[in-house]
């Protein structure tokens, strides 16, 4: 492969350091509702999922009925906290500018939140590609479903086998792999934890990077490796 058809970036925990902020808000609300959980545990276990999906999974494992009103409450509280505190992941601006191939964002977050975060962090003007929000697609299916990745590939006319995805979560990797794409894991967000890289590799990432400065070199190496394979 001389060049990829498309590079897909996840947003939360990859472009912007939002996962830990959302986890703190959501963990506080869940603990108040009777399911005690720390922000670190929530981020490690449920990173990449919408809060609705997190609630459904917690109800399933705990048997604790959780009010649907928690969803709207959490969304509003997370948006407020992100407007105040969200920051770009260190080095991401330079990494985006070094990628010469078509790029886009595929996220489980709503598009208005994504754009607000990218504007606040100064990333939006650098990011020429479109933003795809999984819950706003016709199917409405979020990661780990492959829908948002498949939709992006179709929009770009990209071959999934020639598409690379950068993801920080098991659920995101599962969706990208189900779409037939190659995945680079990322552990440079503030929510990362010991063993994070191993978990991403086990989920299907070909390799894992912690620093954005390594992205271009890793992409070049994986392109060369695919030609040799």
C-alpha atoms as a PDB file:
ATOM      1  CA  UNK A   1       0.000   0.000   0.000  1.00  0.00           C
ATOM      2  CA  UNK A   2       1.626   3.243  -1.130  1.00  0.00           C
ATOM      3  CA  UNK A   3      -0.854   5.423   0.753  1.00  0.00           C
ATOM      4  CA  UNK A   4      -4.062   4.978   2.749  1.00  0.00           C
ATOM      5  CA  UNK A   5      -7.469   5.927   1.411  1.00  0.00           C
ATOM      6  CA  UNK A   6      -8.530   7.494   4.700  1.00  0.00           C
ATOM      7  CA  UNK A   7      -7.353   8.232   8.254  1.00  0.00           C
ATOM      8  CA  UNK A   8     -10.126   8.252  10.882  1.00  0.00           C
ATOM      9  CA  UNK A   9      -9.654   9.896  14.265  1.00  0.00           C
ATOM     10  CA  UNK A  10     -11.786   9.224  17.299  1.00  0.00           C
ATOM     11  CA  UNK A  11     -12.432  12.459  19.207  1.00  0.00           C
ATOM     12  CA  UNK A  12     -12.850  11.963  22.958  1.00  0.00           C
ATOM     13  CA  UNK A  13      -9.592  10.916  24.594  1.00  0.00           C
ATOM     14  CA  UNK A  14      -7.778  11.067  21.256  1.00  0.00           C
ATOM     15  CA  UNK A  15      -8.024  14.610  19.906  1.00  0.00           C
ATOM     16  CA  UNK A  16      -9.265  16.211  23.108  1.00  0.00           C
ATOM     17  CA  UNK A  17      -8.788  15.209  26.741  1.00  0.00           C
ATOM     18  CA  UNK A  18     -12.485  14.908  27.430  1.00  0.00           C
ATOM     19  CA  UNK A  19     -12.868  11.292  28.577  1.00  0.00           C
ATOM     20  CA  UNK A  20     -11.624  11.926  32.125  1.00  0.00           C
ATOM     21  CA  UNK A  21     -13.801  15.043  32.437  1.00  0.00           C
ATOM     22  CA  UNK A  22     -16.930  13.166  31.357  1.00  0.00           C
ATOM     23  CA  UNK A  23     -16.018  10.223  33.595  1.00  0.00           C
ATOM     24  CA  UNK A  24     -15.790  12.463  36.675  1.00  0.00           C
ATOM     25  CA  UNK A  25     -19.226  13.962  36.035  1.00  0.00           C
ATOM     26  CA  UNK A  26     -20.865  10.638  35.194  1.00  0.00           C
ATOM     27  CA  UNK A  27     -19.269   8.774  38.102  1.00  0.00           C
ATOM     28  CA  UNK A  28     -20.565  11.413  40.512  1.00  0.00           C
ATOM     29  CA  UNK A  29     -24.100  11.100  39.136  1.00  0.00           C
ATOM     30  CA  UNK A  30     -24.016   7.292  39.190  1.00  0.00           C
ATOM     31  CA  UNK A  31     -22.745   7.244  42.774  1.00  0.00           C
ATOM     32  CA  UNK A  32     -25.532   9.619  43.823  1.00  0.00           C
ATOM     33  CA  UNK A  33     -28.014   7.272  42.092  1.00  0.00           C
ATOM     34  CA  UNK A  34     -26.793   4.310  44.148  1.00  0.00           C
ATOM     35  CA  UNK A  35     -24.111   2.742  41.937  1.00  0.00           C
ATOM     36  CA  UNK A  36     -20.783   3.650  43.499  1.00  0.00           C
ATOM     37  CA  UNK A  37     -18.002   3.944  40.936  1.00  0.00           C
ATOM     38  CA  UNK A  38     -14.870   6.054  40.596  1.00  0.00           C
ATOM     39  CA  UNK A  39     -14.098   8.207  37.570  1.00  0.00           C
ATOM     40  CA  UNK A  40     -11.012   6.083  36.902  1.00  0.00           C
ATOM     41  CA  UNK A  41     -12.985   2.839  36.971  1.00  0.00           C
ATOM     42  CA  UNK A  42     -15.690   4.267  34.744  1.00  0.00           C
ATOM     43  CA  UNK A  43     -13.161   5.544  32.204  1.00  0.00           C
ATOM     44  CA  UNK A  44     -11.290   2.239  32.141  1.00  0.00           C
ATOM     45  CA  UNK A  45     -14.395   0.074  31.767  1.00  0.00           C
ATOM     46  CA  UNK A  46     -16.741   2.196  29.691  1.00  0.00           C
ATOM     47  CA  UNK A  47     -14.562   4.586  27.656  1.00  0.00           C
ATOM     48  CA  UNK A  48     -15.943   5.058  24.161  1.00  0.00           C
ATOM     49  CA  UNK A  49     -19.584   4.357  25.058  1.00  0.00           C
ATOM     50  CA  UNK A  50     -22.425   6.844  25.229  1.00  0.00           C
ATOM     51  CA  UNK A  51     -23.804   7.492  28.708  1.00  0.00           C
ATOM     52  CA  UNK A  52     -27.052   5.810  27.652  1.00  0.00           C
ATOM     53  CA  UNK A  53     -25.153   2.628  26.817  1.00  0.00           C
ATOM     54  CA  UNK A  54     -23.210   2.892  30.080  1.00  0.00           C
ATOM     55  CA  UNK A  55     -26.483   3.056  32.026  1.00  0.00           C
ATOM     56  CA  UNK A  56     -27.873   0.018  30.186  1.00  0.00           C
ATOM     57  CA  UNK A  57     -24.756  -2.026  30.926  1.00  0.00           C
ATOM     58  CA  UNK A  58     -24.710  -1.001  34.585  1.00  0.00           C
ATOM     59  CA  UNK A  59     -28.383  -1.890  34.970  1.00  0.00           C
ATOM     60  CA  UNK A  60     -27.661  -5.282  33.408  1.00  0.00           C
ATOM     61  CA  UNK A  61     -24.774  -6.162  35.734  1.00  0.00           C
ATOM     62  CA  UNK A  62     -26.151  -4.582  38.923  1.00  0.00           C
ATOM     63  CA  UNK A  63     -29.904  -5.027  38.663  1.00  0.00           C
ATOM     64  CA  UNK A  64     -30.202  -1.439  39.872  1.00  0.00           C
ATOM     65  CA  UNK A  65     -32.925   0.524  38.043  1.00  0.00           C
ATOM     66  CA  UNK A  66     -31.517   3.870  36.920  1.00  0.00           C
ATOM     67  CA  UNK A  67     -33.683   6.786  35.932  1.00  0.00           C
ATOM     68  CA  UNK A  68     -33.640   7.772  32.240  1.00  0.00           C
ATOM     69  CA  UNK A  69     -33.554  11.396  33.397  1.00  0.00           C
ATOM     70  CA  UNK A  70     -29.923  10.787  34.355  1.00  0.00           C
ATOM     71  CA  UNK A  71     -29.052  10.886  30.647  1.00  0.00           C
ATOM     72  CA  UNK A  72     -30.192  14.483  30.109  1.00  0.00           C
ATOM     73  CA  UNK A  73     -28.739  15.517  33.462  1.00  0.00           C
ATOM     74  CA  UNK A  74     -25.371  13.994  32.600  1.00  0.00           C
ATOM     75  CA  UNK A  75     -25.293  15.463  29.084  1.00  0.00           C
ATOM     76  CA  UNK A  76     -25.944  18.971  30.376  1.00  0.00           C
ATOM     77  CA  UNK A  77     -23.403  18.659  33.199  1.00  0.00           C
ATOM     78  CA  UNK A  78     -20.721  17.206  30.921  1.00  0.00           C
ATOM     79  CA  UNK A  79     -21.246  19.972  28.350  1.00  0.00           C
ATOM     80  CA  UNK A  80     -20.837  22.629  31.047  1.00  0.00           C
ATOM     81  CA  UNK A  81     -17.642  21.047  32.371  1.00  0.00           C
ATOM     82  CA  UNK A  82     -16.171  20.565  28.899  1.00  0.00           C
ATOM     83  CA  UNK A  83     -16.785  24.199  27.979  1.00  0.00           C
ATOM     84  CA  UNK A  84     -14.729  25.166  31.023  1.00  0.00           C
ATOM     85  CA  UNK A  85     -11.995  22.549  31.190  1.00  0.00           C
ATOM     86  CA  UNK A  86     -11.424  20.623  27.958  1.00  0.00           C
ATOM     87  CA  UNK A  87      -7.944  20.779  26.457  1.00  0.00           C
ATOM     88  CA  UNK A  88      -6.344  19.361  23.322  1.00  0.00           C
ATOM     89  CA  UNK A  89      -4.259  16.254  23.835  1.00  0.00           C
ATOM     90  CA  UNK A  90      -0.620  17.312  23.819  1.00  0.00           C
ATOM     91  CA  UNK A  91       0.922  17.286  20.341  1.00  0.00           C
ATOM     92  CA  UNK A  92      -2.273  16.577  18.409  1.00  0.00           C
ATOM     93  CA  UNK A  93      -2.231  19.805  16.377  1.00  0.00           C
ATOM     94  CA  UNK A  94       1.223  19.063  14.979  1.00  0.00           C
ATOM     95  CA  UNK A  95       0.244  15.448  14.265  1.00  0.00           C
ATOM     96  CA  UNK A  96      -2.831  16.470  12.259  1.00  0.00           C
ATOM     97  CA  UNK A  97      -0.789  18.885  10.165  1.00  0.00           C
ATOM     98  CA  UNK A  98       1.743  16.148   9.341  1.00  0.00           C
ATOM     99  CA  UNK A  99      -0.839  13.732   7.910  1.00  0.00           C
ATOM    100  CA  UNK A 100      -1.033  14.323   4.128  1.00  0.00           C
ATOM    101  CA  UNK A 101      -3.949  11.965   3.440  1.00  0.00           C
ATOM    102  CA  UNK A 102      -7.736  12.409   3.698  1.00  0.00           C
ATOM    103  CA  UNK A 103      -8.904  12.552   7.315  1.00  0.00           C
ATOM    104  CA  UNK A 104     -12.159  12.635   9.232  1.00  0.00           C
ATOM    105  CA  UNK A 105     -13.560  12.183  12.738  1.00  0.00           C
ATOM    106  CA  UNK A 106     -15.848   9.339  13.816  1.00  0.00           C
ATOM    107  CA  UNK A 107     -17.257   9.734  17.307  1.00  0.00           C
ATOM    108  CA  UNK A 108     -20.035   8.598  19.608  1.00  0.00           C
ATOM    109  CA  UNK A 109     -20.461  12.188  20.822  1.00  0.00           C
ATOM    110  CA  UNK A 110     -23.087  14.522  19.328  1.00  0.00           C
ATOM    111  CA  UNK A 111     -21.745  16.740  16.565  1.00  0.00           C
ATOM    112  CA  UNK A 112     -22.455  19.991  18.418  1.00  0.00           C
ATOM    113  CA  UNK A 113     -20.340  18.821  21.359  1.00  0.00           C
ATOM    114  CA  UNK A 114     -17.528  17.703  19.060  1.00  0.00           C
ATOM    115  CA  UNK A 115     -17.429  21.020  17.245  1.00  0.00           C
ATOM    116  CA  UNK A 116     -17.581  22.981  20.506  1.00  0.00           C
ATOM    117  CA  UNK A 117     -14.598  21.036  21.870  1.00  0.00           C
ATOM    118  CA  UNK A 118     -12.606  21.395  18.655  1.00  0.00           C
ATOM    119  CA  UNK A 119     -13.308  25.124  18.540  1.00  0.00           C
ATOM    120  CA  UNK A 120     -12.295  25.639  22.172  1.00  0.00           C
ATOM    121  CA  UNK A 121      -9.053  23.712  21.698  1.00  0.00           C
ATOM    122  CA  UNK A 122      -8.163  25.347  18.377  1.00  0.00           C
ATOM    123  CA  UNK A 123      -8.242  22.064  16.466  1.00  0.00           C
ATOM    124  CA  UNK A 124     -11.238  22.752  14.235  1.00  0.00           C
ATOM    125  CA  UNK A 125      -9.444  25.111  11.781  1.00  0.00           C
ATOM    126  CA  UNK A 126      -6.720  22.471  11.317  1.00  0.00           C
ATOM    127  CA  UNK A 127      -9.120  19.650  10.661  1.00  0.00           C
ATOM    128  CA  UNK A 128     -10.253  19.826   7.049  1.00  0.00           C
ATOM    129  CA  UNK A 129     -12.190  16.563   7.050  1.00  0.00           C
ATOM    130  CA  UNK A 130     -15.833  16.106   8.085  1.00  0.00           C
ATOM    131  CA  UNK A 131     -17.169  15.016  11.469  1.00  0.00           C
ATOM    132  CA  UNK A 132     -19.370  11.918  11.702  1.00  0.00           C
ATOM    133  CA  UNK A 133     -21.465  11.496  14.856  1.00  0.00           C
ATOM    134  CA  UNK A 134     -22.631   7.896  15.255  1.00  0.00           C
ATOM    135  CA  UNK A 135     -25.923   8.646  17.056  1.00  0.00           C
ATOM    136  CA  UNK A 136     -26.867  11.115  14.307  1.00  0.00           C
ATOM    137  CA  UNK A 137     -26.477   8.618  11.456  1.00  0.00           C
ATOM    138  CA  UNK A 138     -29.559   7.017   9.843  1.00  0.00           C
ATOM    139  CA  UNK A 139     -29.061   3.792  11.837  1.00  0.00           C
ATOM    140  CA  UNK A 140     -28.340   5.612  15.114  1.00  0.00           C
ATOM    141  CA  UNK A 141     -26.098   2.740  16.172  1.00  0.00           C
ATOM    142  CA  UNK A 142     -23.051   3.803  18.164  1.00  0.00           C
ATOM    143  CA  UNK A 143     -19.673   2.136  18.665  1.00  0.00           C
ATOM    144  CA  UNK A 144     -18.929  -0.755  19.126  1.00  0.00           C
ATOM    145  CA  UNK A 145     -21.231  -1.117  16.100  1.00  0.00           C
ATOM    146  CA  UNK A 146     -19.218  -0.499  12.902  1.00  0.00           C
ATOM    147  CA  UNK A 147     -21.826   1.808  11.332  1.00  0.00           C
ATOM    148  CA  UNK A 148     -20.068   5.158  11.748  1.00  0.00           C
ATOM    149  CA  UNK A 149     -16.839   3.793  10.278  1.00  0.00           C
ATOM    150  CA  UNK A 150     -18.648   2.185   7.351  1.00  0.00           C
ATOM    151  CA  UNK A 151     -20.545   5.406   6.706  1.00  0.00           C
ATOM    152  CA  UNK A 152     -17.341   7.463   6.664  1.00  0.00           C
ATOM    153  CA  UNK A 153     -15.636   5.044   4.270  1.00  0.00           C
ATOM    154  CA  UNK A 154     -18.616   5.150   1.915  1.00  0.00           C
ATOM    155  CA  UNK A 155     -18.674   8.971   1.978  1.00  0.00           C
ATOM    156  CA  UNK A 156     -14.990   9.097   1.054  1.00  0.00           C
ATOM    157  CA  UNK A 157     -15.123   6.204  -1.407  1.00  0.00           C
ATOM    158  CA  UNK A 158     -12.462   4.556   0.760  1.00  0.00           C
ATOM    159  CA  UNK A 159     -11.610   0.873   0.865  1.00  0.00           C
ATOM    160  CA  UNK A 160     -11.936  -0.194   4.536  1.00  0.00           C
ATOM    161  CA  UNK A 161      -8.815  -2.335   4.161  1.00  0.00           C
ATOM    162  CA  UNK A 162      -6.917   0.816   3.181  1.00  0.00           C
ATOM    163  CA  UNK A 163      -8.307   2.849   6.092  1.00  0.00           C
ATOM    164  CA  UNK A 164      -6.567   3.480   9.416  1.00  0.00           C
ATOM    165  CA  UNK A 165      -8.416   4.354  12.617  1.00  0.00           C
ATOM    166  CA  UNK A 166      -6.885   5.901  15.750  1.00  0.00           C
ATOM    167  CA  UNK A 167      -8.823   4.818  18.838  1.00  0.00           C
ATOM    168  CA  UNK A 168      -8.337   4.851  22.600  1.00  0.00           C
ATOM    169  CA  UNK A 169     -11.069   2.392  23.621  1.00  0.00           C
ATOM    170  CA  UNK A 170     -11.862  -1.292  23.266  1.00  0.00           C
ATOM    171  CA  UNK A 171     -15.352  -0.405  22.029  1.00  0.00           C
ATOM    172  CA  UNK A 172     -14.001   1.893  19.326  1.00  0.00           C
ATOM    173  CA  UNK A 173     -11.468  -0.694  18.211  1.00  0.00           C
ATOM    174  CA  UNK A 174     -14.177  -3.356  18.057  1.00  0.00           C
ATOM    175  CA  UNK A 175     -16.241  -1.146  15.749  1.00  0.00           C
ATOM    176  CA  UNK A 176     -13.318  -0.293  13.496  1.00  0.00           C
ATOM    177  CA  UNK A 177     -12.225  -3.919  13.212  1.00  0.00           C
ATOM    178  CA  UNK A 178     -15.798  -5.005  12.468  1.00  0.00           C
ATOM    179  CA  UNK A 179     -15.742  -2.461   9.628  1.00  0.00           C
ATOM    180  CA  UNK A 180     -12.640  -4.178   8.221  1.00  0.00           C
ATOM    181  CA  UNK A 181     -10.249  -1.351   9.083  1.00  0.00           C
ATOM    182  CA  UNK A 182      -6.750  -1.251  10.551  1.00  0.00           C
ATOM    183  CA  UNK A 183      -6.410   0.282  13.988  1.00  0.00           C
ATOM    184  CA  UNK A 184      -3.720   2.191  15.877  1.00  0.00           C
ATOM    185  CA  UNK A 185      -4.368   2.367  19.599  1.00  0.00           C
ATOM    186  CA  UNK A 186      -3.750   5.613  21.472  1.00  0.00           C
ATOM    187  CA  UNK A 187      -2.940   5.942  25.183  1.00  0.00           C
ATOM    188  CA  UNK A 188      -1.954   9.608  25.438  1.00  0.00           C
ATOM    189  CA  UNK A 189      -5.132  10.832  27.122  1.00  0.00           C
ATOM    190  CA  UNK A 190      -5.395  11.708  30.801  1.00  0.00           C
ATOM    191  CA  UNK A 191      -7.777   8.774  31.336  1.00  0.00           C
ATOM    192  CA  UNK A 192      -5.141   6.220  30.345  1.00  0.00           C
ATOM    193  CA  UNK A 193      -4.162   3.619  32.926  1.00  0.00           C
ATOM    194  CA  UNK A 194      -1.471   0.944  33.501  1.00  0.00           C
ATOM    195  CA  UNK A 195      -2.026  -1.883  31.034  1.00  0.00           C
ATOM    196  CA  UNK A 196      -4.103   0.284  28.690  1.00  0.00           C
ATOM    197  CA  UNK A 197      -1.834  -0.455  25.712  1.00  0.00           C
ATOM    198  CA  UNK A 198      -2.060  -4.218  26.301  1.00  0.00           C
ATOM    199  CA  UNK A 199      -5.856  -4.023  26.457  1.00  0.00           C
ATOM    200  CA  UNK A 200      -5.991  -2.136  23.143  1.00  0.00           C
ATOM    201  CA  UNK A 201      -3.667  -4.642  21.472  1.00  0.00           C
ATOM    202  CA  UNK A 202      -5.800  -7.530  22.714  1.00  0.00           C
ATOM    203  CA  UNK A 203      -8.865  -5.747  21.289  1.00  0.00           C
ATOM    204  CA  UNK A 204      -7.313  -5.707  17.820  1.00  0.00           C
ATOM    205  CA  UNK A 205      -5.017  -2.686  17.494  1.00  0.00           C
ATOM    206  CA  UNK A 206      -1.974  -3.422  15.318  1.00  0.00           C
ATOM    207  CA  UNK A 207       0.173  -1.183  17.465  1.00  0.00           C
ATOM    208  CA  UNK A 208      -0.239   1.486  20.139  1.00  0.00           C
ATOM    209  CA  UNK A 209       1.215   4.965  20.453  1.00  0.00           C
ATOM    210  CA  UNK A 210       1.351   7.194  23.522  1.00  0.00           C
ATOM    211  CA  UNK A 211       2.752  10.324  21.849  1.00  0.00           C
ATOM    212  CA  UNK A 212       1.257  12.074  18.857  1.00  0.00           C
ATOM    213  CA  UNK A 213       4.773  12.741  17.601  1.00  0.00           C
ATOM    214  CA  UNK A 214       4.960   9.029  16.730  1.00  0.00           C
ATOM    215  CA  UNK A 215       1.875   8.927  14.494  1.00  0.00           C
ATOM    216  CA  UNK A 216       3.360   9.738  11.095  1.00  0.00           C
ATOM    217  CA  UNK A 217       6.283   7.355  11.552  1.00  0.00           C
ATOM    218  CA  UNK A 218       3.989   4.551  12.666  1.00  0.00           C
ATOM    219  CA  UNK A 219       1.649   5.103   9.709  1.00  0.00           C
ATOM    220  CA  UNK A 220       4.601   5.016   7.304  1.00  0.00           C
ATOM    221  CA  UNK A 221       5.876   1.813   8.926  1.00  0.00           C
ATOM    222  CA  UNK A 222       2.471   0.111   8.758  1.00  0.00           C
ATOM    223  CA  UNK A 223       2.098   1.084   5.097  1.00  0.00           C
ATOM    224  CA  UNK A 224       5.512  -0.436   4.352  1.00  0.00           C
ATOM    225  CA  UNK A 225       4.678  -3.533   6.397  1.00  0.00           C
ATOM    226  CA  UNK A 226       1.467  -4.078   4.410  1.00  0.00           C
ATOM    227  CA  UNK A 227       3.452  -3.958   1.177  1.00  0.00           C
ATOM    228  CA  UNK A 228       5.936  -6.527   2.483  1.00  0.00           C
ATOM    229  CA  UNK A 229       3.251  -8.820   3.913  1.00  0.00           C
END
